[in-house]
């Protein structure tokens, strides 16, 4: 679980990021979840967009994917959302987060 300060720090990092995933009319498949899982392991922090033709809104998609990958929802704004999960191997962001309480 993230504290308010940690969430704020992650939001500031995500502000300049471009979305790397799109959730569309195909919904949230096992393959998409696997791709999110791999990206979270490699990057720790990712941003995604939910397209208009999706059956999910951004909050629903973020919650579903976060639950299935063990990630935390950092932010949902409009049709975009940001997820964070501490990496087992690539701990770039989590090292800085451990100092923020």
N, C-alpha and C. Protein backbone atom coordinates (compact mmCIF):
# COMPACT_ATOMS: atom_id res chain seq x y z
N UNK A 1 0.84 -1.18 0.00
CA UNK A 1 0.00 0.00 0.00
C UNK A 1 0.88 1.24 0.00
N UNK A 2 0.52 2.19 -0.82
CA UNK A 2 1.30 3.41 -0.96
C UNK A 2 0.78 4.50 -0.03
N UNK A 3 1.71 5.28 0.52
CA UNK A 3 1.31 6.44 1.32
C UNK A 3 0.97 7.59 0.37
N UNK A 4 0.41 8.65 0.91
CA UNK A 4 0.07 9.81 0.10
C UNK A 4 1.30 10.44 -0.53
N UNK A 5 2.38 10.52 0.21
CA UNK A 5 3.61 11.11 -0.31
C UNK A 5 4.21 10.25 -1.43
N UNK A 6 4.19 8.95 -1.25
CA UNK A 6 4.70 8.05 -2.27
C UNK A 6 3.86 8.16 -3.55
N UNK A 7 2.55 8.20 -3.37
CA UNK A 7 1.64 8.31 -4.52
C UNK A 7 1.90 9.63 -5.25
N UNK A 8 2.12 10.70 -4.50
CA UNK A 8 2.41 12.00 -5.09
C UNK A 8 3.71 11.97 -5.89
N UNK A 9 4.73 11.32 -5.34
CA UNK A 9 6.01 11.20 -6.03
C UNK A 9 5.85 10.41 -7.33
N UNK A 10 5.10 9.32 -7.28
CA UNK A 10 4.88 8.51 -8.48
C UNK A 10 4.07 9.27 -9.53
N UNK A 11 3.09 10.07 -9.09
CA UNK A 11 2.33 10.89 -10.03
C UNK A 11 3.24 11.87 -10.75
N UNK A 12 4.19 12.45 -10.00
CA UNK A 12 5.10 13.41 -10.62
C UNK A 12 5.99 12.72 -11.66
N UNK A 13 6.41 11.49 -11.40
CA UNK A 13 7.21 10.74 -12.37
C UNK A 13 6.39 10.39 -13.61
N UNK A 14 5.13 10.04 -13.39
CA UNK A 14 4.27 9.60 -14.50
C UNK A 14 3.80 10.77 -15.36
N UNK A 15 3.91 11.98 -14.84
CA UNK A 15 3.41 13.15 -15.56
C UNK A 15 4.03 13.30 -16.95
N UNK A 16 5.29 13.00 -17.09
CA UNK A 16 5.97 13.16 -18.37
C UNK A 16 5.99 11.89 -19.22
N UNK A 17 5.47 10.80 -18.69
CA UNK A 17 5.47 9.52 -19.40
C UNK A 17 4.39 9.49 -20.48
N UNK A 18 4.69 8.78 -21.54
CA UNK A 18 3.69 8.49 -22.57
C UNK A 18 3.05 7.13 -22.26
N UNK A 19 1.77 6.97 -22.55
CA UNK A 19 1.13 5.66 -22.35
C UNK A 19 1.78 4.60 -23.23
N UNK A 20 1.98 3.41 -22.67
CA UNK A 20 2.59 2.34 -23.45
C UNK A 20 1.60 1.23 -23.79
N UNK A 21 0.38 1.30 -23.21
CA UNK A 21 -0.65 0.31 -23.49
C UNK A 21 -1.96 0.99 -23.78
N UNK A 22 -2.81 0.29 -24.55
CA UNK A 22 -4.17 0.74 -24.80
C UNK A 22 -5.11 -0.42 -24.52
N UNK A 23 -6.16 -0.14 -23.77
CA UNK A 23 -7.20 -1.13 -23.53
C UNK A 23 -8.34 -0.76 -24.48
N UNK A 24 -8.67 -1.67 -25.39
CA UNK A 24 -9.67 -1.38 -26.40
C UNK A 24 -10.85 -2.31 -26.34
N UNK A 25 -11.48 -2.51 -27.51
CA UNK A 25 -12.69 -3.33 -27.55
C UNK A 25 -12.42 -4.79 -27.24
N UNK A 26 -11.17 -5.22 -27.32
CA UNK A 26 -10.82 -6.58 -26.97
C UNK A 26 -10.90 -6.85 -25.49
N UNK A 27 -11.01 -5.80 -24.69
CA UNK A 27 -11.11 -5.96 -23.25
C UNK A 27 -9.78 -6.29 -22.61
N UNK A 28 -9.86 -6.91 -21.46
CA UNK A 28 -8.66 -7.26 -20.69
C UNK A 28 -8.47 -8.77 -20.76
N UNK A 29 -7.66 -9.18 -21.71
CA UNK A 29 -7.40 -10.60 -21.91
C UNK A 29 -6.22 -11.05 -21.05
N UNK A 30 -6.03 -12.35 -20.98
CA UNK A 30 -4.88 -12.89 -20.25
C UNK A 30 -3.57 -12.42 -20.88
N UNK A 31 -3.55 -12.31 -22.21
CA UNK A 31 -2.36 -11.85 -22.90
C UNK A 31 -2.03 -10.40 -22.53
N UNK A 32 -3.04 -9.54 -22.45
CA UNK A 32 -2.83 -8.15 -22.07
C UNK A 32 -2.32 -8.05 -20.63
N UNK A 33 -2.88 -8.85 -19.76
CA UNK A 33 -2.43 -8.86 -18.36
C UNK A 33 -0.98 -9.32 -18.27
N UNK A 34 -0.61 -10.31 -19.06
CA UNK A 34 0.77 -10.79 -19.08
C UNK A 34 1.72 -9.69 -19.56
N UNK A 35 1.30 -8.93 -20.57
CA UNK A 35 2.11 -7.82 -21.06
C UNK A 35 2.26 -6.72 -20.00
N UNK A 36 1.17 -6.41 -19.30
CA UNK A 36 1.25 -5.45 -18.20
C UNK A 36 2.21 -5.96 -17.13
N UNK A 37 2.11 -7.25 -16.81
CA UNK A 37 2.96 -7.84 -15.79
C UNK A 37 4.44 -7.73 -16.16
N UNK A 38 4.76 -8.04 -17.41
CA UNK A 38 6.15 -7.93 -17.89
C UNK A 38 6.64 -6.48 -17.85
N UNK A 39 5.78 -5.55 -18.27
CA UNK A 39 6.17 -4.14 -18.28
C UNK A 39 6.37 -3.61 -16.86
N UNK A 40 5.53 -4.03 -15.93
CA UNK A 40 5.69 -3.61 -14.54
C UNK A 40 6.99 -4.14 -13.96
N UNK A 41 7.37 -5.34 -14.32
CA UNK A 41 8.63 -5.90 -13.83
C UNK A 41 9.82 -5.13 -14.40
N UNK A 42 9.73 -4.71 -15.65
CA UNK A 42 10.83 -4.01 -16.30
C UNK A 42 10.90 -2.54 -15.89
N UNK A 43 9.73 -1.90 -15.71
CA UNK A 43 9.71 -0.44 -15.51
C UNK A 43 9.24 0.02 -14.14
N UNK A 44 8.46 -0.77 -13.45
CA UNK A 44 7.83 -0.48 -12.17
C UNK A 44 6.65 0.49 -12.27
N UNK A 45 6.71 1.46 -13.16
CA UNK A 45 5.67 2.47 -13.28
C UNK A 45 5.26 2.55 -14.75
N UNK A 46 3.95 2.36 -15.02
CA UNK A 46 3.49 2.41 -16.41
C UNK A 46 2.19 3.21 -16.51
N UNK A 47 1.99 3.77 -17.68
CA UNK A 47 0.79 4.54 -17.96
C UNK A 47 0.08 3.87 -19.13
N UNK A 48 -1.25 3.84 -19.07
CA UNK A 48 -2.05 3.22 -20.13
C UNK A 48 -3.26 4.08 -20.44
N UNK A 49 -3.84 3.86 -21.60
CA UNK A 49 -5.01 4.58 -22.06
C UNK A 49 -6.14 3.58 -22.32
N UNK A 50 -7.36 4.01 -22.01
CA UNK A 50 -8.55 3.21 -22.33
C UNK A 50 -9.25 3.89 -23.49
N UNK A 51 -9.42 3.15 -24.58
CA UNK A 51 -10.06 3.69 -25.78
C UNK A 51 -11.57 3.81 -25.59
N UNK A 52 -12.19 4.65 -26.39
CA UNK A 52 -13.64 4.88 -26.28
C UNK A 52 -14.46 3.63 -26.58
N UNK A 53 -13.95 2.76 -27.44
CA UNK A 53 -14.72 1.57 -27.82
C UNK A 53 -14.55 0.42 -26.82
N UNK A 54 -13.87 0.65 -25.72
CA UNK A 54 -13.68 -0.38 -24.70
C UNK A 54 -14.94 -0.52 -23.85
N UNK A 55 -15.17 -1.72 -23.36
CA UNK A 55 -16.31 -1.95 -22.47
C UNK A 55 -16.02 -1.47 -21.04
N UNK A 56 -14.77 -1.12 -20.77
CA UNK A 56 -14.36 -0.65 -19.46
C UNK A 56 -14.15 0.86 -19.47
N UNK A 57 -14.35 1.51 -18.32
CA UNK A 57 -13.85 2.88 -18.19
C UNK A 57 -12.47 2.78 -17.54
N UNK A 58 -11.79 3.89 -17.42
CA UNK A 58 -10.40 3.87 -16.95
C UNK A 58 -10.28 3.31 -15.54
N UNK A 59 -11.20 3.66 -14.65
CA UNK A 59 -11.15 3.18 -13.25
C UNK A 59 -11.34 1.67 -13.21
N UNK A 60 -12.30 1.16 -13.94
CA UNK A 60 -12.56 -0.28 -13.95
C UNK A 60 -11.36 -1.05 -14.51
N UNK A 61 -10.81 -0.55 -15.61
CA UNK A 61 -9.66 -1.21 -16.22
C UNK A 61 -8.46 -1.19 -15.28
N UNK A 62 -8.20 -0.05 -14.67
CA UNK A 62 -7.06 0.08 -13.74
C UNK A 62 -7.22 -0.88 -12.56
N UNK A 63 -8.41 -0.92 -11.98
CA UNK A 63 -8.64 -1.81 -10.84
C UNK A 63 -8.49 -3.28 -11.22
N UNK A 64 -9.05 -3.65 -12.37
CA UNK A 64 -8.98 -5.05 -12.83
C UNK A 64 -7.53 -5.48 -13.09
N UNK A 65 -6.80 -4.65 -13.81
CA UNK A 65 -5.42 -5.00 -14.14
C UNK A 65 -4.54 -4.98 -12.90
N UNK A 66 -4.75 -4.00 -12.02
CA UNK A 66 -3.97 -3.93 -10.78
C UNK A 66 -4.20 -5.18 -9.93
N UNK A 67 -5.44 -5.61 -9.84
CA UNK A 67 -5.75 -6.81 -9.06
C UNK A 67 -5.08 -8.05 -9.65
N UNK A 68 -5.11 -8.16 -10.97
CA UNK A 68 -4.57 -9.36 -11.62
C UNK A 68 -3.05 -9.38 -11.69
N UNK A 69 -2.41 -8.20 -11.55
CA UNK A 69 -0.94 -8.15 -11.59
C UNK A 69 -0.31 -7.88 -10.23
N UNK A 70 -1.10 -7.59 -9.23
CA UNK A 70 -0.57 -7.28 -7.90
C UNK A 70 0.02 -5.88 -7.83
N UNK A 71 -0.47 -4.98 -8.66
CA UNK A 71 0.04 -3.61 -8.71
C UNK A 71 -0.86 -2.67 -7.90
N UNK A 72 -0.38 -1.45 -7.70
CA UNK A 72 -1.16 -0.39 -7.06
C UNK A 72 -1.59 0.60 -8.12
N UNK A 73 -2.83 1.06 -8.03
CA UNK A 73 -3.30 2.12 -8.91
C UNK A 73 -2.79 3.44 -8.32
N UNK A 74 -2.00 4.15 -9.09
CA UNK A 74 -1.43 5.42 -8.63
C UNK A 74 -2.39 6.55 -8.94
N UNK A 75 -2.95 6.55 -10.16
CA UNK A 75 -3.76 7.68 -10.59
C UNK A 75 -4.66 7.26 -11.74
N UNK A 76 -5.86 7.82 -11.76
CA UNK A 76 -6.77 7.67 -12.89
C UNK A 76 -7.28 9.06 -13.23
N UNK A 77 -7.00 9.51 -14.44
CA UNK A 77 -7.48 10.81 -14.91
C UNK A 77 -8.03 10.63 -16.32
N UNK A 78 -9.29 10.96 -16.49
CA UNK A 78 -9.92 10.84 -17.81
C UNK A 78 -9.88 9.41 -18.30
N UNK A 79 -9.26 9.20 -19.44
CA UNK A 79 -9.19 7.85 -20.00
C UNK A 79 -7.80 7.23 -19.79
N UNK A 80 -7.00 7.79 -18.90
CA UNK A 80 -5.65 7.27 -18.64
C UNK A 80 -5.52 6.84 -17.18
N UNK A 81 -4.63 5.86 -16.99
CA UNK A 81 -4.34 5.43 -15.62
C UNK A 81 -2.88 5.05 -15.49
N UNK A 82 -2.40 5.10 -14.25
CA UNK A 82 -1.00 4.80 -13.95
C UNK A 82 -0.96 3.70 -12.90
N UNK A 83 -0.12 2.70 -13.14
CA UNK A 83 0.06 1.58 -12.20
C UNK A 83 1.50 1.51 -11.74
N UNK A 84 1.69 1.05 -10.50
CA UNK A 84 3.03 0.86 -9.94
C UNK A 84 3.10 -0.50 -9.25
N UNK A 85 4.21 -1.17 -9.45
CA UNK A 85 4.51 -2.39 -8.70
C UNK A 85 6.02 -2.49 -8.56
N UNK A 86 6.46 -2.76 -7.36
CA UNK A 86 7.90 -2.89 -7.11
C UNK A 86 8.45 -4.07 -7.89
N UNK A 87 9.54 -3.84 -8.57
CA UNK A 87 10.18 -4.87 -9.37
C UNK A 87 11.05 -5.77 -8.48
N UNK A 88 11.17 -7.01 -8.87
CA UNK A 88 12.04 -7.92 -8.13
C UNK A 88 13.50 -7.73 -8.53
N UNK A 89 13.74 -7.33 -9.79
CA UNK A 89 15.11 -7.21 -10.30
C UNK A 89 15.53 -5.77 -10.58
N UNK A 90 14.64 -4.96 -11.11
CA UNK A 90 14.97 -3.60 -11.54
C UNK A 90 14.40 -2.57 -10.57
N UNK A 91 15.02 -2.39 -9.45
CA UNK A 91 14.50 -1.52 -8.40
C UNK A 91 15.01 -0.09 -8.53
N UNK A 92 14.62 0.60 -9.56
CA UNK A 92 15.02 1.99 -9.73
C UNK A 92 14.13 2.91 -8.89
N UNK A 93 12.84 2.79 -9.05
CA UNK A 93 11.90 3.68 -8.37
C UNK A 93 11.70 3.26 -6.93
N UNK A 94 11.61 1.96 -6.67
CA UNK A 94 11.31 1.49 -5.32
C UNK A 94 12.39 1.89 -4.31
N UNK A 95 13.62 2.05 -4.76
CA UNK A 95 14.67 2.49 -3.85
C UNK A 95 14.40 3.91 -3.35
N UNK A 96 13.96 4.77 -4.25
CA UNK A 96 13.63 6.14 -3.86
C UNK A 96 12.36 6.18 -3.02
N UNK A 97 11.40 5.32 -3.33
CA UNK A 97 10.16 5.27 -2.57
C UNK A 97 10.36 4.84 -1.13
N UNK A 98 11.32 3.97 -0.90
CA UNK A 98 11.55 3.48 0.45
C UNK A 98 12.01 4.60 1.39
N UNK A 99 12.59 5.67 0.83
CA UNK A 99 13.01 6.80 1.64
C UNK A 99 11.87 7.77 1.92
N UNK A 100 10.83 7.70 1.12
CA UNK A 100 9.66 8.58 1.30
C UNK A 100 8.63 7.85 2.14
N UNK A 101 8.23 8.46 3.20
CA UNK A 101 7.22 7.83 4.06
C UNK A 101 6.02 8.71 4.18
